[in-house]
Amino acid sequence: MWPGGRGRGRAAVASGRLPFDVPRSMAAVEASRPDVPFDTADPLFRFGHGLSLQEHGAQ
């Protein structure tokens, strides 16, 4: 159960996706070009990395 669900038989599964690359260092930020998307070399997290949100009912 999700905290605060009060026994309603529903659980929330947290999620989300990054809309951009997360650079590994400031040097990577400085080396990237502002007019070229996703040009970060070896990013810490890539575009689309993350979770998904879904609601599940108890069975």
N, C-alpha and C. Protein backbone atom coordinates (compact mmCIF):
# COMPACT_ATOMS: atom_id res chain seq x y z
N MET A 1 0.83 -1.20 0.00
CA MET A 1 0.00 0.00 0.00
C MET A 1 0.86 1.25 0.00
N TRP A 2 0.42 2.24 -0.68
CA TRP A 2 1.08 3.53 -0.68
C TRP A 2 0.78 4.20 0.65
N PRO A 3 1.77 4.83 1.30
CA PRO A 3 1.50 5.52 2.56
C PRO A 3 0.35 6.52 2.40
N GLY A 4 -0.56 6.48 3.31
CA GLY A 4 -1.72 7.37 3.24
C GLY A 4 -2.85 6.78 2.42
N GLY A 5 -2.69 5.56 1.92
CA GLY A 5 -3.73 4.92 1.13
C GLY A 5 -4.92 4.50 1.96
N ARG A 6 -4.76 4.38 3.25
CA ARG A 6 -5.81 4.07 4.21
C ARG A 6 -6.60 2.82 3.85
N GLY A 7 -5.89 1.80 3.37
CA GLY A 7 -6.53 0.52 3.13
C GLY A 7 -7.52 0.48 1.99
N ARG A 8 -7.43 1.36 1.04
CA ARG A 8 -8.37 1.38 -0.08
C ARG A 8 -8.04 0.34 -1.14
N GLY A 9 -6.98 -0.44 -0.94
CA GLY A 9 -6.64 -1.49 -1.89
C GLY A 9 -5.96 -0.99 -3.14
N ARG A 10 -5.37 0.20 -3.09
CA ARG A 10 -4.68 0.75 -4.26
C ARG A 10 -3.26 1.11 -3.87
N ALA A 11 -2.36 0.89 -4.79
CA ALA A 11 -0.96 1.24 -4.57
C ALA A 11 -0.45 2.02 -5.77
N ALA A 12 0.38 3.02 -5.53
CA ALA A 12 0.98 3.80 -6.60
C ALA A 12 2.42 3.37 -6.79
N VAL A 13 2.81 3.18 -8.03
CA VAL A 13 4.18 2.84 -8.37
C VAL A 13 4.80 4.07 -9.02
N ALA A 14 5.80 4.66 -8.36
CA ALA A 14 6.40 5.90 -8.83
C ALA A 14 7.24 5.68 -10.09
N SER A 15 7.25 6.71 -10.95
CA SER A 15 8.09 6.63 -12.15
C SER A 15 8.24 8.00 -12.80
N GLY A 16 9.09 8.06 -13.79
CA GLY A 16 9.36 9.28 -14.54
C GLY A 16 10.55 9.06 -15.45
N ARG A 17 10.67 9.83 -16.48
CA ARG A 17 11.78 9.69 -17.44
C ARG A 17 12.48 11.03 -17.60
N LEU A 18 13.81 10.99 -17.67
CA LEU A 18 14.57 12.22 -17.86
C LEU A 18 14.36 12.79 -19.26
N PRO A 19 14.10 14.09 -19.37
CA PRO A 19 13.92 14.71 -20.68
C PRO A 19 15.24 15.21 -21.29
N PHE A 20 16.38 14.87 -20.65
CA PHE A 20 17.69 15.33 -21.13
C PHE A 20 18.76 14.41 -20.55
N ASP A 21 19.99 14.49 -21.10
CA ASP A 21 21.14 13.79 -20.53
C ASP A 21 21.62 14.54 -19.30
N VAL A 22 22.08 13.82 -18.28
CA VAL A 22 22.67 14.43 -17.10
C VAL A 22 24.19 14.26 -17.22
N PRO A 23 24.91 15.36 -17.43
CA PRO A 23 26.36 15.28 -17.59
C PRO A 23 27.05 14.73 -16.34
N ARG A 24 28.17 14.06 -16.56
CA ARG A 24 28.93 13.46 -15.46
C ARG A 24 29.77 14.50 -14.70
N SER A 25 30.16 15.59 -15.36
CA SER A 25 31.03 16.58 -14.72
C SER A 25 30.80 17.96 -15.34
N MET A 26 31.36 18.96 -14.71
CA MET A 26 31.28 20.31 -15.25
C MET A 26 32.08 20.41 -16.55
N ALA A 27 33.14 19.63 -16.65
CA ALA A 27 33.93 19.61 -17.89
C ALA A 27 33.06 19.11 -19.06
N ALA A 28 32.20 18.14 -18.80
CA ALA A 28 31.30 17.64 -19.84
C ALA A 28 30.29 18.71 -20.25
N VAL A 29 29.83 19.50 -19.29
CA VAL A 29 28.91 20.61 -19.59
C VAL A 29 29.60 21.63 -20.47
N GLU A 30 30.81 21.98 -20.11
CA GLU A 30 31.56 22.98 -20.88
C GLU A 30 31.91 22.49 -22.28
N ALA A 31 32.10 21.19 -22.46
CA ALA A 31 32.46 20.62 -23.76
C ALA A 31 31.25 20.44 -24.67
N SER A 32 30.05 20.44 -24.11
CA SER A 32 28.86 20.22 -24.93
C SER A 32 28.48 21.48 -25.69
N ARG A 33 27.79 21.29 -26.81
CA ARG A 33 27.34 22.43 -27.62
C ARG A 33 25.87 22.70 -27.33
N PRO A 34 25.49 23.95 -27.10
CA PRO A 34 24.12 24.26 -26.74
C PRO A 34 23.10 24.01 -27.85
N ASP A 35 23.56 23.96 -29.10
CA ASP A 35 22.63 23.77 -30.22
C ASP A 35 22.52 22.31 -30.68
N VAL A 36 23.21 21.41 -29.99
CA VAL A 36 23.18 19.99 -30.36
C VAL A 36 22.65 19.18 -29.17
N PRO A 37 21.44 18.63 -29.29
CA PRO A 37 20.90 17.85 -28.17
C PRO A 37 21.62 16.52 -28.03
N PHE A 38 21.75 16.08 -26.81
CA PHE A 38 22.28 14.75 -26.48
C PHE A 38 23.70 14.54 -26.99
N ASP A 39 24.55 15.56 -26.91
CA ASP A 39 25.93 15.40 -27.36
C ASP A 39 26.89 15.20 -26.19
N THR A 40 26.36 14.98 -24.98
CA THR A 40 27.21 14.76 -23.81
C THR A 40 27.92 13.42 -23.92
N ALA A 41 29.25 13.45 -23.83
CA ALA A 41 30.03 12.22 -23.86
C ALA A 41 29.95 11.53 -22.50
N ASP A 42 29.58 10.27 -22.47
CA ASP A 42 29.50 9.47 -21.24
C ASP A 42 28.70 10.15 -20.14
N PRO A 43 27.40 10.45 -20.37
CA PRO A 43 26.61 11.11 -19.33
C PRO A 43 26.38 10.19 -18.13
N LEU A 44 26.12 10.80 -17.00
CA LEU A 44 25.81 10.05 -15.79
C LEU A 44 24.49 9.30 -15.98
N PHE A 45 23.49 9.99 -16.54
CA PHE A 45 22.21 9.37 -16.89
C PHE A 45 21.82 9.84 -18.28
N ARG A 46 21.39 8.93 -19.14
CA ARG A 46 20.98 9.23 -20.51
C ARG A 46 19.54 9.71 -20.57
N PHE A 47 19.21 10.39 -21.65
CA PHE A 47 17.83 10.78 -21.95
C PHE A 47 16.94 9.54 -21.82
N GLY A 48 15.80 9.69 -21.16
CA GLY A 48 14.86 8.58 -21.01
C GLY A 48 15.11 7.68 -19.83
N HIS A 49 16.19 7.92 -19.09
CA HIS A 49 16.48 7.09 -17.92
C HIS A 49 15.45 7.39 -16.84
N GLY A 50 15.01 6.40 -16.12
CA GLY A 50 14.11 6.66 -15.01
C GLY A 50 13.06 5.60 -14.81
N LEU A 51 12.03 5.97 -14.10
CA LEU A 51 10.95 5.08 -13.70
C LEU A 51 9.68 5.39 -14.47
N SER A 52 8.59 4.73 -14.13
CA SER A 52 7.26 4.99 -14.73
C SER A 52 6.21 5.05 -13.63
N LEU A 53 5.17 5.91 -13.79
CA LEU A 53 4.09 6.00 -12.81
C LEU A 53 2.90 5.16 -13.23
N GLN A 54 2.47 4.32 -12.33
CA GLN A 54 1.29 3.50 -12.59
C GLN A 54 0.56 3.28 -11.29
N GLU A 55 -0.73 3.15 -11.38
CA GLU A 55 -1.54 2.86 -10.20
C GLU A 55 -2.02 1.43 -10.31
N HIS A 56 -1.91 0.71 -9.22
CA HIS A 56 -2.32 -0.70 -9.20
C HIS A 56 -3.37 -0.90 -8.12
N GLY A 57 -4.40 -1.62 -8.45
CA GLY A 57 -5.42 -1.97 -7.47
C GLY A 57 -5.07 -3.32 -6.85
N ALA A 58 -5.47 -3.51 -5.61
CA ALA A 58 -5.22 -4.79 -4.93
C ALA A 58 -6.10 -5.88 -5.52
N GLN A 59 -5.55 -7.09 -5.52
CA GLN A 59 -6.33 -8.20 -6.07
C GLN A 59 -6.61 -9.24 -5.03
